């Protein structure tokens, strides 16, 4: 026999035997189709769920990678408190954009006055009305500290006793003698005299 013919005959016999062997399986396959369909559907649903999860994970990873790659703005640090020659400690909380007042100006402010332990003794905010006064006619701490501010700004003034009410105290005993005080002041405006 020719070798090509032998190969062809062998292949045909093999195909025929495989076909015969598979025939009973195909017959058995018919009643099992609904069960197989359920399994295939479960597998497909599982693959979809896995794909959705993978997509979500991929999106999360892409977002994380993008956020790592994107420059992150550093938080703006508040300026360090300034200690003046008189002993006033001035801490800027918000920089204003307006003019600086002078000691000769009348100013409109909102403020909260507290003792160093945090107890509040006065507040224009609680009264619901800003305070107005000539800057040269208040305690030294205010005269000096508010001149460092710009209109629209907010600052914390840490006032040693000598720049506040000193040995006399104030408010009929509300502020005891020799009390160090702090004020959170918002400079709203410079008022025309």
Protein backbone atom coordinates (compact mmCIF):
# COMPACT_ATOMS: atom_id res chain seq x y z
CA UNK A 1 0.00 0.00 0.00
CA UNK A 2 1.05 3.53 -0.74
CA UNK A 3 2.00 5.51 2.38
CA UNK A 4 -0.37 8.34 1.50
CA UNK A 5 -3.17 5.85 1.12
CA UNK A 6 -2.28 4.18 4.41
CA UNK A 7 -2.39 7.53 6.22
CA UNK A 8 -5.74 8.44 4.67
CA UNK A 9 -7.23 5.05 5.55
CA UNK A 10 -5.95 5.28 9.11
CA UNK A 11 -7.36 8.80 9.50
CA UNK A 12 -10.73 7.75 8.13
CA UNK A 13 -10.91 4.74 10.42
CA UNK A 14 -9.99 6.90 13.36
CA UNK A 15 -12.62 9.47 12.47
CA UNK A 16 -15.23 6.75 12.02
CA UNK A 17 -14.43 5.17 15.36
CA UNK A 18 -14.53 8.54 17.12
CA UNK A 19 -17.82 9.34 15.48
CA UNK A 20 -19.29 6.04 16.63
CA UNK A 21 -17.92 6.51 20.13
CA UNK A 22 -19.45 9.97 20.37
CA UNK A 23 -22.88 8.93 19.10
CA UNK A 24 -24.12 7.56 22.43
CA UNK A 25 -22.75 10.63 24.24
CA UNK A 26 -24.67 12.92 21.91
CA UNK A 27 -27.85 10.96 22.59
CA UNK A 28 -27.28 11.23 26.32
CA UNK A 29 -26.51 14.91 25.85
CA UNK A 30 -30.05 15.79 24.67
CA UNK A 31 -31.83 15.31 28.02
CA UNK A 32 -28.95 17.04 29.85
CA UNK A 33 -29.14 20.23 27.77
CA UNK A 34 -31.31 22.22 30.27
CA UNK A 35 -28.95 21.32 33.13
CA UNK A 36 -25.92 22.23 31.04
CA UNK A 37 -27.53 25.50 30.05
CA UNK A 38 -28.00 26.34 33.76
CA UNK A 39 -24.37 25.56 34.50
CA UNK A 40 -23.21 27.56 31.48
CA UNK A 41 -25.47 30.47 32.50
CA UNK A 42 -24.08 30.38 36.07
CA UNK A 43 -20.56 30.33 34.69
CA UNK A 44 -21.38 33.22 32.36
CA UNK A 45 -22.97 35.20 35.22
CA UNK A 46 -19.96 34.45 37.36
CA UNK A 47 -17.64 35.63 34.57
CA UNK A 48 -19.70 38.81 34.19
CA UNK A 49 -19.51 39.45 37.93
CA UNK A 50 -15.79 38.82 37.84
CA UNK A 51 -15.44 41.14 34.86
CA UNK A 52 -17.43 43.86 36.62
CA UNK A 53 -15.35 43.40 39.76
CA UNK A 54 -12.16 43.43 37.71
CA UNK A 55 -13.34 46.55 35.88
CA UNK A 56 -14.13 48.22 39.21
CA UNK A 57 -10.77 47.15 40.61
CA UNK A 58 -9.06 48.33 37.44
CA UNK A 59 -10.88 51.66 37.64
CA UNK A 60 -9.92 52.01 41.30
CA UNK A 61 -6.32 51.12 40.47
CA UNK A 62 -6.33 53.61 37.58
CA UNK A 63 -7.74 56.31 39.85
CA UNK A 64 -5.15 55.53 42.50
CA UNK A 65 -2.38 55.56 39.92
CA UNK A 66 -3.65 58.85 38.52
CA UNK A 67 -3.83 60.40 41.96
CA UNK A 68 -0.31 59.23 42.71
CA UNK A 69 0.92 60.61 39.43
CA UNK A 70 -0.98 63.90 39.72
CA UNK A 71 0.76 66.57 41.75
CA UNK A 72 -0.98 67.16 45.06
CA UNK A 73 -1.13 70.70 46.32
CA UNK A 74 0.54 70.98 49.68
CA UNK A 75 -1.67 72.41 52.40
CA UNK A 76 -0.97 76.06 52.95
CA UNK A 77 0.59 76.48 56.36
CA UNK A 78 -0.65 79.33 58.49
CA UNK A 79 2.02 81.91 59.14
CA UNK A 80 3.86 81.41 62.40
CA UNK A 81 2.79 83.69 65.25
CA UNK A 82 4.76 86.92 65.49
CA UNK A 83 6.03 88.16 68.85
CA UNK A 84 6.33 91.94 68.84
CA UNK A 85 8.80 93.97 70.90
CA UNK A 86 6.02 94.90 73.35
CA UNK A 87 5.20 91.25 74.06
CA UNK A 88 2.06 90.94 71.90
CA UNK A 89 1.81 87.63 70.11
CA UNK A 90 0.00 88.13 66.79
CA UNK A 91 -1.31 85.07 64.97
CA UNK A 92 -2.81 85.64 61.52
CA UNK A 93 -5.74 83.31 60.84
CA UNK A 94 -6.85 84.80 57.52
CA UNK A 95 -5.08 87.44 55.47
CA UNK A 96 -7.20 90.42 54.53
CA UNK A 97 -7.10 92.19 51.19
CA UNK A 98 -7.96 95.73 52.27
CA UNK A 99 -6.03 98.55 53.90
CA UNK A 100 -4.19 98.54 57.25
CA UNK A 101 -5.81 100.83 59.85
CA UNK A 102 -3.80 103.35 61.84
CA UNK A 103 -4.17 104.26 65.52
CA UNK A 104 -6.10 107.38 64.38
CA UNK A 105 -8.76 105.29 62.54
CA UNK A 106 -12.12 104.11 63.76
CA UNK A 107 -12.60 100.38 63.03
CA UNK A 108 -15.53 97.94 62.81
CA UNK A 109 -14.71 94.47 64.12
CA UNK A 110 -16.18 91.21 65.29
CA UNK A 111 -14.30 89.65 68.18
CA UNK A 112 -14.35 86.99 70.86
CA UNK A 113 -12.39 87.58 74.07
CA UNK A 114 -11.23 84.62 76.16
CA UNK A 115 -8.98 83.83 79.08
CA UNK A 116 -6.01 81.57 78.35
CA UNK A 117 -8.00 78.57 79.63
CA UNK A 118 -10.60 79.18 76.88
CA UNK A 119 -13.37 80.69 79.05
CA UNK A 120 -15.13 83.41 77.09
CA UNK A 121 -15.71 86.80 78.74
CA UNK A 122 -16.96 88.90 75.80
CA UNK A 123 -18.18 88.43 72.22
CA UNK A 124 -19.57 90.84 69.64
CA UNK A 125 -20.63 87.77 67.67
CA UNK A 126 -22.92 86.62 70.51
CA UNK A 127 -24.37 90.11 70.73
CA UNK A 128 -25.01 89.95 66.98
CA UNK A 129 -23.52 93.37 66.31
CA UNK A 130 -19.99 94.29 65.27
CA UNK A 131 -18.15 96.66 67.59
CA UNK A 132 -16.93 100.09 66.41
CA UNK A 133 -14.32 102.13 68.23
CA UNK A 134 -11.40 104.51 67.70
CA UNK A 135 -8.33 102.26 67.54
CA UNK A 136 -6.23 104.67 69.62
CA UNK A 137 -8.66 104.51 72.57
CA UNK A 138 -8.63 100.79 73.41
CA UNK A 139 -6.19 98.52 75.24
CA UNK A 140 -2.62 98.65 73.92
CA UNK A 141 -2.85 95.07 72.67
CA UNK A 142 -5.72 96.01 70.35
CA UNK A 143 -4.17 99.27 69.17
CA UNK A 144 -0.99 97.46 68.18
CA UNK A 145 -2.49 94.18 66.97
CA UNK A 146 -5.33 95.51 64.82
CA UNK A 147 -2.89 97.84 63.00
CA UNK A 148 -1.07 94.69 61.82
CA UNK A 149 -4.26 93.44 60.13
CA UNK A 150 -5.82 94.31 56.77
CA UNK A 151 -9.56 94.79 56.24
CA UNK A 152 -11.12 91.36 55.69
CA UNK A 153 -8.47 89.65 57.79
CA UNK A 154 -8.80 87.63 60.96
CA UNK A 155 -6.20 87.26 63.72
CA UNK A 156 -5.68 85.99 67.22
CA UNK A 157 -4.11 88.47 69.63
CA UNK A 158 -2.40 86.99 72.70
CA UNK A 159 -2.26 89.88 75.12
CA UNK A 160 0.00 89.86 78.17
CA UNK A 161 -1.57 91.54 81.17
CA UNK A 162 0.52 94.70 80.76
CA UNK A 163 -0.95 95.23 77.25
CA UNK A 164 -4.49 94.36 78.36
CA UNK A 165 -6.08 95.66 81.59
CA UNK A 166 -3.04 95.22 83.85
CA UNK A 167 -3.42 95.57 87.62
CA UNK A 168 -6.86 97.21 87.41
CA UNK A 169 -8.70 94.36 85.68
CA UNK A 170 -12.01 95.19 83.95
CA UNK A 171 -15.73 94.62 83.78
CA UNK A 172 -16.37 94.95 87.51
CA UNK A 173 -14.36 91.84 88.28
CA UNK A 174 -15.21 89.87 85.13
CA UNK A 175 -11.56 90.24 84.09
CA UNK A 176 -9.41 89.88 87.22
CA UNK A 177 -6.27 92.01 87.68
CA UNK A 178 -3.10 90.83 85.91
CA UNK A 179 -4.98 88.55 83.47
CA UNK A 180 -3.37 87.50 80.21
CA UNK A 181 -6.07 87.48 77.52
CA UNK A 182 -6.61 86.43 73.95
CA UNK A 183 -8.90 87.90 71.33
CA UNK A 184 -9.93 86.49 67.99
CA UNK A 185 -10.56 89.59 65.88
CA UNK A 186 -12.04 89.96 62.40
CA UNK A 187 -11.41 93.40 60.89
CA UNK A 188 -14.57 94.19 58.95
CA UNK A 189 -13.91 97.78 57.93
CA UNK A 190 -12.20 101.09 58.58
CA UNK A 191 -15.02 103.53 59.35
CA UNK A 192 -14.93 107.19 58.34
CA UNK A 193 -14.74 109.39 61.50
